[in-house]
C-alpha atoms as a PDB file:
ATOM      1  CA  MET A   1      -0.015  -0.014   0.008  1.00  0.00           C
ATOM      2  CA  SER A   2       1.417   3.354  -1.022  1.00  0.00           C
ATOM      3  CA  ALA A   3       1.703   6.190   1.514  1.00  0.00           C
ATOM      4  CA  CYS A   4       0.264   8.770  -0.785  1.00  0.00           C
ATOM      5  CA  LEU A   5      -2.934   8.364  -2.952  1.00  0.00           C
ATOM      6  CA  ILE A   6      -3.373  10.928  -5.734  1.00  0.00           C
ATOM      7  CA  ILE A   7      -6.914  11.129  -6.974  1.00  0.00           C
ATOM      8  CA  CYS A   8      -6.941  12.753 -10.495  1.00  0.00           C
ATOM      9  CA  ASN A   9      -9.971  13.919 -12.209  1.00  0.00           C
ATOM     10  CA  PRO A  10      -8.883  13.671 -15.893  1.00  0.00           C
ATOM     11  CA  THR A  11     -11.535  16.129 -17.139  1.00  0.00           C
ATOM     12  CA  ALA A  12     -10.353  18.960 -14.796  1.00  0.00           C
ATOM     13  CA  GLY A  13      -9.298  22.200 -16.612  1.00  0.00           C
ATOM     14  CA  HIS A  14     -10.904  20.908 -19.936  1.00  0.00           C
ATOM     15  CA  GLY A  15      -8.541  17.932 -19.906  1.00  0.00           C
ATOM     16  CA  VAL A  16      -5.529  19.631 -18.648  1.00  0.00           C
ATOM     17  CA  ALA A  17      -5.365  17.207 -15.808  1.00  0.00           C
ATOM     18  CA  LYS A  18      -5.202  14.110 -18.047  1.00  0.00           C
ATOM     19  CA  ARG A  19      -2.429  15.726 -20.247  1.00  0.00           C
ATOM     20  CA  LEU A  20      -0.330  16.582 -17.340  1.00  0.00           C
ATOM     21  CA  LEU A  21      -0.453  12.986 -15.701  1.00  0.00           C
ATOM     22  CA  PRO A  22       2.881  11.907 -17.294  1.00  0.00           C
ATOM     23  CA  GLU A  23       4.594  15.118 -16.172  1.00  0.00           C
ATOM     24  CA  VAL A  24       3.316  14.706 -12.677  1.00  0.00           C
ATOM     25  CA  ASP A  25       4.208  11.005 -12.690  1.00  0.00           C
ATOM     26  CA  LEU A  26       7.770  11.822 -13.634  1.00  0.00           C
ATOM     27  CA  ILE A  27       8.286  14.713 -11.198  1.00  0.00           C
ATOM     28  CA  LEU A  28       6.943  12.667  -8.295  1.00  0.00           C
ATOM     29  CA  ALA A  29       9.111   9.641  -9.188  1.00  0.00           C
ATOM     30  CA  GLU A  30      12.224  11.891  -9.342  1.00  0.00           C
ATOM     31  CA  LEU A  31      11.241  13.198  -5.878  1.00  0.00           C
ATOM     32  CA  GLY A  32      11.073   9.660  -4.453  1.00  0.00           C
ATOM     33  CA  LEU A  33       7.539   9.931  -3.278  1.00  0.00           C
ATOM     34  CA  ASP A  34       5.795   6.625  -2.437  1.00  0.00           C
ATOM     35  CA  TYR A  35       2.594   7.210  -4.258  1.00  0.00           C
ATOM     36  CA  GLU A  36      -0.151   5.784  -6.425  1.00  0.00           C
ATOM     37  CA  ILE A  37      -2.353   7.628  -8.886  1.00  0.00           C
ATOM     38  CA  VAL A  38      -5.956   6.742  -9.490  1.00  0.00           C
ATOM     39  CA  GLN A  39      -8.446   8.503 -12.033  1.00  0.00           C
ATOM     40  CA  THR A  40     -11.953   9.340 -11.202  1.00  0.00           C
ATOM     41  CA  GLU A  41     -14.728   7.903 -13.507  1.00  0.00           C
ATOM     42  CA  ALA A  42     -17.968   9.839 -12.331  1.00  0.00           C
ATOM     43  CA  PRO A  43     -19.166  12.639 -10.101  1.00  0.00           C
ATOM     44  CA  TRP A  44     -18.389  11.872  -6.402  1.00  0.00           C
ATOM     45  CA  HIS A  45     -16.045   9.077  -7.373  1.00  0.00           C
ATOM     46  CA  ALA A  46     -13.231  11.205  -5.809  1.00  0.00           C
ATOM     47  CA  ALA A  47     -15.102  11.449  -2.527  1.00  0.00           C
ATOM     48  CA  ASP A  48     -15.637   7.686  -2.469  1.00  0.00           C
ATOM     49  CA  LEU A  49     -11.849   7.086  -3.273  1.00  0.00           C
ATOM     50  CA  ALA A  50     -10.814   9.478  -0.533  1.00  0.00           C
ATOM     51  CA  GLU A  51     -13.029   7.831   2.057  1.00  0.00           C
ATOM     52  CA  ALA A  52     -11.852   4.500   1.211  1.00  0.00           C
ATOM     53  CA  ALA A  53      -8.263   5.641   1.368  1.00  0.00           C
ATOM     54  CA  ALA A  54      -8.707   7.057   4.719  1.00  0.00           C
ATOM     55  CA  LYS A  55     -10.295   3.903   6.115  1.00  0.00           C
ATOM     56  CA  LYS A  56      -7.300   1.846   4.702  1.00  0.00           C
ATOM     57  CA  GLY A  57      -4.981   4.025   6.744  1.00  0.00           C
ATOM     58  CA  ILE A  58      -3.211   5.770   3.706  1.00  0.00           C
ATOM     59  CA  ALA A  59      -1.383   8.917   5.203  1.00  0.00           C
ATOM     60  CA  THR A  60      -1.743  11.349   2.479  1.00  0.00           C
ATOM     61  CA  VAL A  61      -4.608  11.822  -0.059  1.00  0.00           C
ATOM     62  CA  VAL A  62      -4.237  14.456  -2.836  1.00  0.00           C
ATOM     63  CA  ALA A  63      -6.763  15.850  -5.161  1.00  0.00           C
ATOM     64  CA  MET A  64      -5.331  16.415  -8.636  1.00  0.00           C
ATOM     65  CA  GLY A  65      -7.901  18.773 -10.352  1.00  0.00           C
ATOM     66  CA  GLY A  66      -9.790  21.888  -9.651  1.00  0.00           C
ATOM     67  CA  ASP A  67     -11.861  23.248  -6.853  1.00  0.00           C
ATOM     68  CA  GLY A  68     -14.627  20.541  -7.552  1.00  0.00           C
ATOM     69  CA  THR A  69     -12.103  17.695  -7.163  1.00  0.00           C
ATOM     70  CA  ALA A  70     -10.623  19.128  -4.050  1.00  0.00           C
ATOM     71  CA  ASN A  71     -14.103  19.696  -2.699  1.00  0.00           C
ATOM     72  CA  GLU A  72     -15.053  16.067  -3.373  1.00  0.00           C
ATOM     73  CA  VAL A  73     -11.805  14.725  -1.710  1.00  0.00           C
ATOM     74  CA  LEU A  74     -12.444  16.988   1.346  1.00  0.00           C
ATOM     75  CA  ASN A  75     -15.985  15.499   1.498  1.00  0.00           C
ATOM     76  CA  GLY A  76     -14.659  12.067   1.400  1.00  0.00           C
ATOM     77  CA  LEU A  77     -12.042  12.584   4.142  1.00  0.00           C
ATOM     78  CA  MET A  78     -14.652  14.289   6.379  1.00  0.00           C
ATOM     79  CA  ARG A  79     -17.035  11.357   5.969  1.00  0.00           C
ATOM     80  CA  ALA A  80     -14.341   8.974   6.871  1.00  0.00           C
ATOM     81  CA  GLN A  81     -13.354  11.088   9.986  1.00  0.00           C
ATOM     82  CA  ASN A  82     -17.140  11.165  10.965  1.00  0.00           C
ATOM     83  CA  ALA A  83     -17.106   7.405  10.712  1.00  0.00           C
ATOM     84  CA  GLY A  84     -14.178   7.160  13.142  1.00  0.00           C
ATOM     85  CA  ALA A  85     -11.332   6.709  10.857  1.00  0.00           C
ATOM     86  CA  ASP A  86      -8.009   8.643  11.255  1.00  0.00           C
ATOM     87  CA  CYS A  87      -8.073  11.459   8.634  1.00  0.00           C
ATOM     88  CA  PRO A  88      -5.197  11.657   6.228  1.00  0.00           C
ATOM     89  CA  THR A  89      -3.291  14.645   5.549  1.00  0.00           C
ATOM     90  CA  MET A  90      -4.834  16.367   2.264  1.00  0.00           C
ATOM     91  CA  GLY A  91      -2.852  17.717  -0.634  1.00  0.00           C
ATOM     92  CA  ILE A  92      -3.890  19.431  -3.926  1.00  0.00           C
ATOM     93  CA  LEU A  93      -2.163  19.553  -7.286  1.00  0.00           C
ATOM     94  CA  SER A  94      -3.749  22.588  -8.911  1.00  0.00           C
ATOM     95  CA  VAL A  95      -4.704  21.778 -12.472  1.00  0.00           C
ATOM     96  CA  GLY A  96      -8.251  23.088 -12.631  1.00  0.00           C
ATOM     97  CA  ARG A  97     -10.079  26.382 -13.838  1.00  0.00           C
ATOM     98  CA  GLY A  98      -9.967  28.500 -10.588  1.00  0.00           C
ATOM     99  CA  ASN A  99      -7.910  26.669  -8.030  1.00  0.00           C
ATOM    100  CA  ASP A 100      -9.322  28.908  -5.381  1.00  0.00           C
ATOM    101  CA  MET A 101      -9.175  26.382  -2.551  1.00  0.00           C
ATOM    102  CA  ALA A 102      -5.406  25.803  -3.130  1.00  0.00           C
ATOM    103  CA  TYR A 103      -4.842  29.527  -3.285  1.00  0.00           C
ATOM    104  CA  GLY A 104      -6.595  30.118   0.111  1.00  0.00           C
ATOM    105  CA  TRP A 105      -4.826  27.305   1.659  1.00  0.00           C
ATOM    106  CA  GLY A 106      -1.406  28.576   0.776  1.00  0.00           C
ATOM    107  CA  ILE A 107      -0.756  25.741  -1.966  1.00  0.00           C
ATOM    108  CA  PRO A 108       1.262  26.683  -5.044  1.00  0.00           C
ATOM    109  CA  GLN A 109      -0.543  27.135  -8.325  1.00  0.00           C
ATOM    110  CA  ASP A 110       2.471  25.834 -10.287  1.00  0.00           C
ATOM    111  CA  VAL A 111       2.419  22.078 -10.850  1.00  0.00           C
ATOM    112  CA  GLU A 112       6.039  21.396 -10.082  1.00  0.00           C
ATOM    113  CA  ALA A 113       5.948  23.545  -6.987  1.00  0.00           C
ATOM    114  CA  SER A 114       2.725  21.806  -5.584  1.00  0.00           C
ATOM    115  CA  CYS A 115       4.423  18.433  -6.259  1.00  0.00           C
ATOM    116  CA  GLN A 116       7.249  19.563  -3.978  1.00  0.00           C
ATOM    117  CA  THR A 117       4.834  20.290  -1.191  1.00  0.00           C
ATOM    118  CA  LEU A 118       3.895  16.624  -1.121  1.00  0.00           C
ATOM    119  CA  VAL A 119       7.528  15.766  -0.148  1.00  0.00           C
ATOM    120  CA  SER A 120       8.696  18.717   1.753  1.00  0.00           C
ATOM    121  CA  GLY A 121       5.602  20.771   2.326  1.00  0.00           C
ATOM    122  CA  LEU A 122       4.481  22.442   5.637  1.00  0.00           C
ATOM    123  CA  LYS A 123       1.737  20.629   7.485  1.00  0.00           C
ATOM    124  CA  ARG A 124      -0.968  22.877   8.628  1.00  0.00           C
ATOM    125  CA  ARG A 125      -4.485  22.429  10.378  1.00  0.00           C
ATOM    126  CA  VAL A 126      -7.191  24.419   8.544  1.00  0.00           C
ATOM    127  CA  ASP A 127     -10.883  25.154   9.229  1.00  0.00           C
ATOM    128  CA  VAL A 128     -13.673  23.393   7.135  1.00  0.00           C
ATOM    129  CA  GLY A 129     -17.070  24.748   6.572  1.00  0.00           C
ATOM    130  CA  HIS A 130     -20.421  22.828   6.295  1.00  0.00           C
ATOM    131  CA  ALA A 131     -23.556  23.868   4.411  1.00  0.00           C
ATOM    132  CA  VAL A 132     -27.046  22.314   4.974  1.00  0.00           C
ATOM    133  CA  GLY A 133     -29.806  22.891   2.537  1.00  0.00           C
ATOM    134  CA  GLY A 134     -30.891  22.791  -1.042  1.00  0.00           C
ATOM    135  CA  LEU A 135     -29.607  19.601  -2.748  1.00  0.00           C
ATOM    136  CA  TYR A 136     -27.776  18.650   0.387  1.00  0.00           C
ATOM    137  CA  PRO A 137     -30.224  18.410   3.344  1.00  0.00           C
ATOM    138  CA  GLY A 138     -27.668  16.239   5.085  1.00  0.00           C
ATOM    139  CA  GLY A 139     -24.894  18.837   4.407  1.00  0.00           C
ATOM    140  CA  ARG A 140     -21.911  19.358   2.169  1.00  0.00           C
ATOM    141  CA  TYR A 141     -18.464  20.293   3.362  1.00  0.00           C
ATOM    142  CA  PHE A 142     -16.384  23.129   1.725  1.00  0.00           C
ATOM    143  CA  GLY A 143     -12.936  24.362   2.011  1.00  0.00           C
ATOM    144  CA  ASN A 144     -12.916  27.758   0.254  1.00  0.00           C
ATOM    145  CA  GLY A 145     -16.332  29.242   0.352  1.00  0.00           C
ATOM    146  CA  ILE A 146     -20.127  29.406  -0.347  1.00  0.00           C
ATOM    147  CA  GLY A 147     -21.473  31.750  -2.997  1.00  0.00           C
ATOM    148  CA  ILE A 148     -25.062  32.757  -3.026  1.00  0.00           C
ATOM    149  CA  GLY A 149     -26.704  34.837  -5.685  1.00  0.00           C
ATOM    150  CA  PHE A 150     -24.809  36.683  -8.486  1.00  0.00           C
ATOM    151  CA  ASP A 151     -21.559  34.756  -8.371  1.00  0.00           C
ATOM    152  CA  THR A 152     -23.320  31.429  -8.558  1.00  0.00           C
ATOM    153  CA  ILE A 153     -24.907  32.399 -11.850  1.00  0.00           C
ATOM    154  CA  VAL A 154     -21.441  33.589 -12.899  1.00  0.00           C
ATOM    155  CA  GLY A 155     -20.224  30.109 -12.263  1.00  0.00           C
ATOM    156  CA  PHE A 156     -23.113  28.450 -14.239  1.00  0.00           C
ATOM    157  CA  GLU A 157     -22.306  30.890 -17.214  1.00  0.00           C
ATOM    158  CA  ALA A 158     -18.506  30.070 -16.885  1.00  0.00           C
ATOM    159  CA  ALA A 159     -19.194  26.348 -17.110  1.00  0.00           C
ATOM    160  CA  LYS A 160     -20.829  26.912 -20.553  1.00  0.00           C
ATOM    161  CA  LEU A 161     -17.795  28.495 -22.029  1.00  0.00           C
ATOM    162  CA  LYS A 162     -15.732  25.976 -23.961  1.00  0.00           C
ATOM    163  CA  ARG A 163     -12.870  28.181 -25.269  1.00  0.00           C
ATOM    164  CA  LEU A 164     -12.110  30.125 -22.126  1.00  0.00           C
ATOM    165  CA  SER A 165     -11.060  28.994 -18.692  1.00  0.00           C
ATOM    166  CA  GLY A 166      -9.627  30.210 -15.486  1.00  0.00           C
ATOM    167  CA  PHE A 167     -10.157  33.994 -14.589  1.00  0.00           C
ATOM    168  CA  ALA A 168     -10.807  34.956 -18.141  1.00  0.00           C
ATOM    169  CA  GLY A 169     -13.700  32.694 -18.444  1.00  0.00           C
ATOM    170  CA  TYR A 170     -15.198  33.863 -15.117  1.00  0.00           C
ATOM    171  CA  LEU A 171     -14.766  37.510 -16.152  1.00  0.00           C
ATOM    172  CA  VAL A 172     -16.661  37.059 -19.331  1.00  0.00           C
ATOM    173  CA  ALA A 173     -19.315  35.148 -17.519  1.00  0.00           C
ATOM    174  CA  ALA A 174     -19.639  38.087 -14.931  1.00  0.00           C
ATOM    175  CA  LEU A 175     -20.157  40.555 -17.717  1.00  0.00           C
ATOM    176  CA  LYS A 176     -22.910  38.316 -19.217  1.00  0.00           C
ATOM    177  CA  THR A 177     -24.533  37.699 -15.849  1.00  0.00           C
ATOM    178  CA  ILE A 178     -24.961  41.475 -15.430  1.00  0.00           C
ATOM    179  CA  SER A 179     -27.796  41.195 -18.047  1.00  0.00           C
ATOM    180  CA  LEU A 180     -29.137  37.954 -16.523  1.00  0.00           C
ATOM    181  CA  TYR A 181     -29.179  38.304 -12.814  1.00  0.00           C
ATOM    182  CA  TYR A 182     -29.599  41.665 -11.353  1.00  0.00           C
ATOM    183  CA  ARG A 183     -32.837  41.696  -9.398  1.00  0.00           C
ATOM    184  CA  ALA A 184     -31.612  41.195  -5.810  1.00  0.00           C
ATOM    185  CA  PRO A 185     -34.138  38.999  -3.837  1.00  0.00           C
ATOM    186  CA  LEU A 186     -35.045  40.075  -0.353  1.00  0.00           C
ATOM    187  CA  THR A 187     -32.914  38.039   1.998  1.00  0.00           C
ATOM    188  CA  THR A 188     -32.176  37.643   5.742  1.00  0.00           C
ATOM    189  CA  VAL A 189     -28.434  36.974   6.780  1.00  0.00           C
ATOM    190  CA  GLN A 190     -28.398  35.910  10.309  1.00  0.00           C
ATOM    191  CA  THR A 191     -24.948  35.439  11.963  1.00  0.00           C
ATOM    192  CA  ASP A 192     -23.724  34.761  15.596  1.00  0.00           C
ATOM    193  CA  GLY A 193     -24.899  38.039  16.902  1.00  0.00           C
ATOM    194  CA  GLN A 194     -26.486  40.070  14.015  1.00  0.00           C
ATOM    195  CA  THR A 195     -29.340  39.992  11.471  1.00  0.00           C
ATOM    196  CA  LEU A 196     -29.426  41.731   8.295  1.00  0.00           C
ATOM    197  CA  THR A 197     -32.627  41.883   6.036  1.00  0.00           C
ATOM    198  CA  LEU A 198     -31.946  43.428   2.669  1.00  0.00           C
ATOM    199  CA  PRO A 199     -32.255  42.844  -1.152  1.00  0.00           C
ATOM    200  CA  ALA A 200     -29.037  40.913  -1.492  1.00  0.00           C
ATOM    201  CA  LEU A 201     -27.475  40.709  -4.818  1.00  0.00           C
ATOM    202  CA  MET A 202     -24.814  38.392  -3.451  1.00  0.00           C
ATOM    203  CA  VAL A 203     -23.727  36.664  -0.208  1.00  0.00           C
ATOM    204  CA  SER A 204     -20.166  35.252  -0.094  1.00  0.00           C
ATOM    205  CA  VAL A 205     -19.320  33.163   3.123  1.00  0.00           C
ATOM    206  CA  MET A 206     -15.645  32.601   2.809  1.00  0.00           C
ATOM    207  CA  ASN A 207     -13.087  30.426   4.396  1.00  0.00           C
ATOM    208  CA  GLY A 208     -10.507  31.339   1.740  1.00  0.00           C
ATOM    209  CA  GLN A 209      -9.953  34.634  -0.124  1.00  0.00           C
ATOM    210  CA  ARG A 210     -11.097  34.504  -3.514  1.00  0.00           C
ATOM    211  CA  MET A 211     -13.465  32.862  -6.149  1.00  0.00           C
ATOM    212  CA  GLY A 212     -13.563  32.565  -9.740  1.00  0.00           C
ATOM    213  CA  GLY A 213      -9.764  32.494 -10.140  1.00  0.00           C
ATOM    214  CA  GLY A 214      -9.320  36.234  -9.184  1.00  0.00           C
ATOM    215  CA  PHE A 215     -12.309  37.748  -7.536  1.00  0.00           C
ATOM    216  CA  MET A 216     -11.089  38.590  -4.102  1.00  0.00           C
ATOM    217  CA  MET A 217     -14.256  38.222  -2.002  1.00  0.00           C
ATOM    218  CA  ALA A 218     -12.397  38.210   1.432  1.00  0.00           C
ATOM    219  CA  PRO A 219      -8.786  39.466   0.927  1.00  0.00           C
ATOM    220  CA  ASP A 220      -7.952  39.376   4.584  1.00  0.00           C
ATOM    221  CA  SER A 221      -9.559  35.874   5.367  1.00  0.00           C
ATOM    222  CA  LEU A 222      -7.555  33.280   7.004  1.00  0.00           C
ATOM    223  CA  PRO A 223      -8.406  29.432   6.655  1.00  0.00           C
ATOM    224  CA  ASP A 224      -7.283  28.664  10.309  1.00  0.00           C
ATOM    225  CA  ASP A 225      -8.604  31.482  12.273  1.00  0.00           C
ATOM    226  CA  GLY A 226     -11.944  29.930  13.434  1.00  0.00           C
ATOM    227  CA  GLN A 227     -14.033  32.468  11.562  1.00  0.00           C
ATOM    228  CA  LEU A 228     -15.959  32.729   8.428  1.00  0.00           C
ATOM    229  CA  ASP A 229     -15.646  36.018   6.409  1.00  0.00           C
ATOM    230  CA  LEU A 230     -18.937  37.231   4.821  1.00  0.00           C
ATOM    231  CA  CYS A 231     -19.179  39.705   2.047  1.00  0.00           C
ATOM    232  CA  VAL A 232     -22.771  40.848   1.608  1.00  0.00           C
ATOM    233  CA  VAL A 233     -23.724  42.959  -1.586  1.00  0.00           C
ATOM    234  CA  ARG A 234     -26.878  44.929  -1.543  1.00  0.00           C
ATOM    235  CA  GLY A 235     -28.702  45.156  -4.906  1.00  0.00           C
ATOM    236  CA  VAL A 236     -27.345  47.898  -7.089  1.00  0.00           C
ATOM    237  CA  SER A 237     -28.264  49.169 -10.616  1.00  0.00           C
ATOM    238  CA  ARG A 238     -26.745  47.549 -13.652  1.00  0.00           C
ATOM    239  CA  ALA A 239     -24.764  50.624 -14.221  1.00  0.00           C
ATOM    240  CA  ARG A 240     -22.988  50.415 -10.777  1.00  0.00           C
ATOM    241  CA  MET A 241     -22.420  46.564 -11.184  1.00  0.00           C
ATOM    242  CA  LEU A 242     -19.428  46.774 -13.561  1.00  0.00           C
ATOM    243  CA  PRO A 243     -17.419  49.214 -11.339  1.00  0.00           C
ATOM    244  CA  LEU A 244     -18.104  47.039  -8.377  1.00  0.00           C
ATOM    245  CA  ILE A 245     -16.948  43.961 -10.234  1.00  0.00           C
ATOM    246  CA  MET A 246     -13.628  45.743 -10.872  1.00  0.00           C
ATOM    247  CA  ARG A 247     -13.266  46.457  -7.190  1.00  0.00           C
ATOM    248  CA  PHE A 248     -13.766  42.761  -6.473  1.00  0.00           C
ATOM    249  CA  MET A 249     -10.903  42.011  -8.836  1.00  0.00           C
ATOM    250  CA  GLN A 250      -8.724  44.274  -6.720  1.00  0.00           C
ATOM    251  CA  GLY A 251     -10.155  43.389  -3.256  1.00  0.00           C
ATOM    252  CA  THR A 252     -11.017  47.058  -2.628  1.00  0.00           C
ATOM    253  CA  GLN A 253     -14.912  46.475  -2.439  1.00  0.00           C
ATOM    254  CA  TYR A 254     -15.069  47.106   1.309  1.00  0.00           C
ATOM    255  CA  GLY A 255     -16.006  50.653   2.195  1.00  0.00           C
ATOM    256  CA  GLN A 256     -18.511  50.860  -0.667  1.00  0.00           C
ATOM    257  CA  GLU A 257     -22.091  51.713   0.378  1.00  0.00           C
ATOM    258  CA  ALA A 258     -23.412  48.473  -1.185  1.00  0.00           C
ATOM    259  CA  VAL A 259     -21.000  46.184   0.451  1.00  0.00           C
ATOM    260  CA  THR A 260     -21.003  44.987   4.072  1.00  0.00           C
ATOM    261  CA  GLY A 261     -18.311  42.699   5.743  1.00  0.00           C
ATOM    262  CA  LEU A 262     -19.124  40.419   8.556  1.00  0.00           C
ATOM    263  CA  ARG A 263     -17.183  37.761  10.644  1.00  0.00           C
ATOM    264  CA  ALA A 264     -19.064  34.694  12.213  1.00  0.00           C
ATOM    265  CA  ARG A 265     -18.914  30.928  13.156  1.00  0.00           C
ATOM    266  CA  THR A 266     -22.514  30.354  12.011  1.00  0.00           C
ATOM    267  CA  VAL A 267     -24.426  31.709   9.267  1.00  0.00           C
ATOM    268  CA  THR A 268     -28.125  31.296   7.976  1.00  0.00           C
ATOM    269  CA  VAL A 269     -29.229  32.798   4.848  1.00  0.00           C
ATOM    270  CA  THR A 270     -32.926  32.896   4.037  1.00  0.00           C
ATOM    271  CA  ALA A 271     -34.884  34.091   0.959  1.00  0.00           C
ATOM    272  CA  VAL A 272     -37.721  36.169   2.313  1.00  0.00           C
ATOM    273  CA  GLU A 273     -38.894  36.648  -1.344  1.00  0.00           C
ATOM    274  CA  GLY A 274     -37.723  34.511  -4.194  1.00  0.00           C
ATOM    275  CA  SER A 275     -34.992  31.907  -3.977  1.00  0.00           C
ATOM    276  CA  LEU A 276     -31.321  31.135  -3.375  1.00  0.00           C
ATOM    277  CA  PRO A 277     -29.034  29.890  -6.089  1.00  0.00           C
ATOM    278  CA  ALA A 278     -25.770  28.789  -4.391  1.00  0.00           C
ATOM    279  CA  HIS A 279     -22.568  26.825  -4.727  1.00  0.00           C
ATOM    280  CA  ALA A 280     -19.997  25.302  -2.479  1.00  0.00           C
ATOM    281  CA  ASP A 281     -16.407  25.570  -3.842  1.00  0.00           C
ATOM    282  CA  GLY A 282     -17.835  26.210  -7.206  1.00  0.00           C
ATOM    283  CA  GLU A 283     -20.076  23.108  -7.045  1.00  0.00           C
ATOM    284  CA  THR A 284     -23.930  23.515  -7.352  1.00  0.00           C
ATOM    285  CA  LEU A 285     -25.416  23.489  -3.812  1.00  0.00           C
ATOM    286  CA  CYS A 286     -28.834  24.586  -4.879  1.00  0.00           C
ATOM    287  CA  THR A 287     -30.715  26.550  -7.614  1.00  0.00           C
ATOM    288  CA  ASP A 288     -33.774  27.706  -5.788  1.00  0.00           C
ATOM    289  CA  ALA A 289     -33.413  26.911  -2.053  1.00  0.00           C
ATOM    290  CA  ARG A 290     -35.245  28.916   0.532  1.00  0.00           C
ATOM    291  CA  GLU A 291     -32.619  28.586   3.315  1.00  0.00           C
ATOM    292  CA  LEU A 292     -28.996  27.664   3.806  1.00  0.00           C
ATOM    293  CA  ALA A 293     -27.440  27.037   7.313  1.00  0.00           C
ATOM    294  CA  ILE A 294     -23.519  27.214   7.374  1.00  0.00           C
ATOM    295  CA  THR A 295     -21.199  26.376  10.248  1.00  0.00           C
ATOM    296  CA  LEU A 296     -17.389  26.319  10.627  1.00  0.00           C
ATOM    297  CA  LEU A 297     -15.591  23.435  12.110  1.00  0.00           C
ATOM    298  CA  PRO A 298     -12.270  24.944  13.357  1.00  0.00           C
ATOM    299  CA  GLN A 299      -9.007  23.079  12.630  1.00  0.00           C
ATOM    300  CA  ALA A 300     -10.863  20.168  11.115  1.00  0.00           C
ATOM    301  CA  ILE A 301      -8.203  18.855   8.659  1.00  0.00           C
ATOM    302  CA  GLU A 302      -4.516  18.736   8.208  1.00  0.00           C
ATOM    303  CA  ILE A 303      -3.225  19.983   4.801  1.00  0.00           C
ATOM    304  CA  LEU A 304       0.192  20.113   3.022  1.00  0.00           C
ATOM    305  CA  CYS A 305       1.103  23.557   1.942  1.00  0.00           C
ATOM    306  CA  GLN A 306       4.129  25.941   1.459  1.00  0.00           C
ATOM    307  CA  PRO A 307       5.533  28.300   4.182  1.00  0.00           C
ATOM    308  CA  ALA A 308       3.726  31.548   4.273  1.00  0.00           C
ATOM    309  CA  ASP A 309       6.714  33.509   3.098  1.00  0.00           C
ATOM    310  CA  ALA A 310       7.295  31.457   0.021  1.00  0.00           C
ATOM    311  CA  GLY A 311       4.599  33.243  -1.989  1.00  0.00           C
ATOM    312  CA  ARG A 312       1.731  31.677  -4.035  1.00  0.00           C
END
């Protein structure tokens, strides 16, 4: 039994993951890592593989793909932990479109550098979020963040683009979404000690810093501080949406009249009117839910990353 299982989603990054497999195999062999690579065959296969690996006692489980693959691996490891198994250390090889979870966890975006973390990386415990509602009445775990409203529709539109990926694809999708989704539903956002009721264009509940490969939803968020960082955006006119999007690209949206920042351990978001489209780490959580309940589990999992002063 190998000490490290690498779970590769061959379709990640429009097939980039599959094309990079020989290169990754060569790098890891040269580094002397004791590993095995398996490829996923269907949705949630990565979660099942990760759960089985944990129950077998494999020391390290690595997601090779994008945010969706990483989210599935995380869910599999948390399921195993809940069943009483020792949870392996988790790693990520970033070969997807956004790679936002890896960014927020301090894992390099470069393939060779991220391979290096599997051998000589820093071990760090990070928080994990849990969302209940929509398609997941039993809950789904997340490592980077929950998006509710506008940015969820952006993700849906970005997934339709065949020739664009990464941040460029999300930016084009965001511009398109301005014409599709601009009526902010009346929403209640309830945190540990505060309740807001407002027409909410978007509610981002972050454990990491960014979404969409470059939109800095919570630039000061830390994944191990025991707090979720919320970015709540009040409904604005179409004319004001583009300048606001530009501020999110720079992480300078706070201080704008339409933007409210909060920090909390628990969050409940309820649609007073209309419904909530939402995603967890870029994966569809719901298209028309009425309520989502989100909690943070501090220091829930150990990951392999690079030292904070090494840059991303």
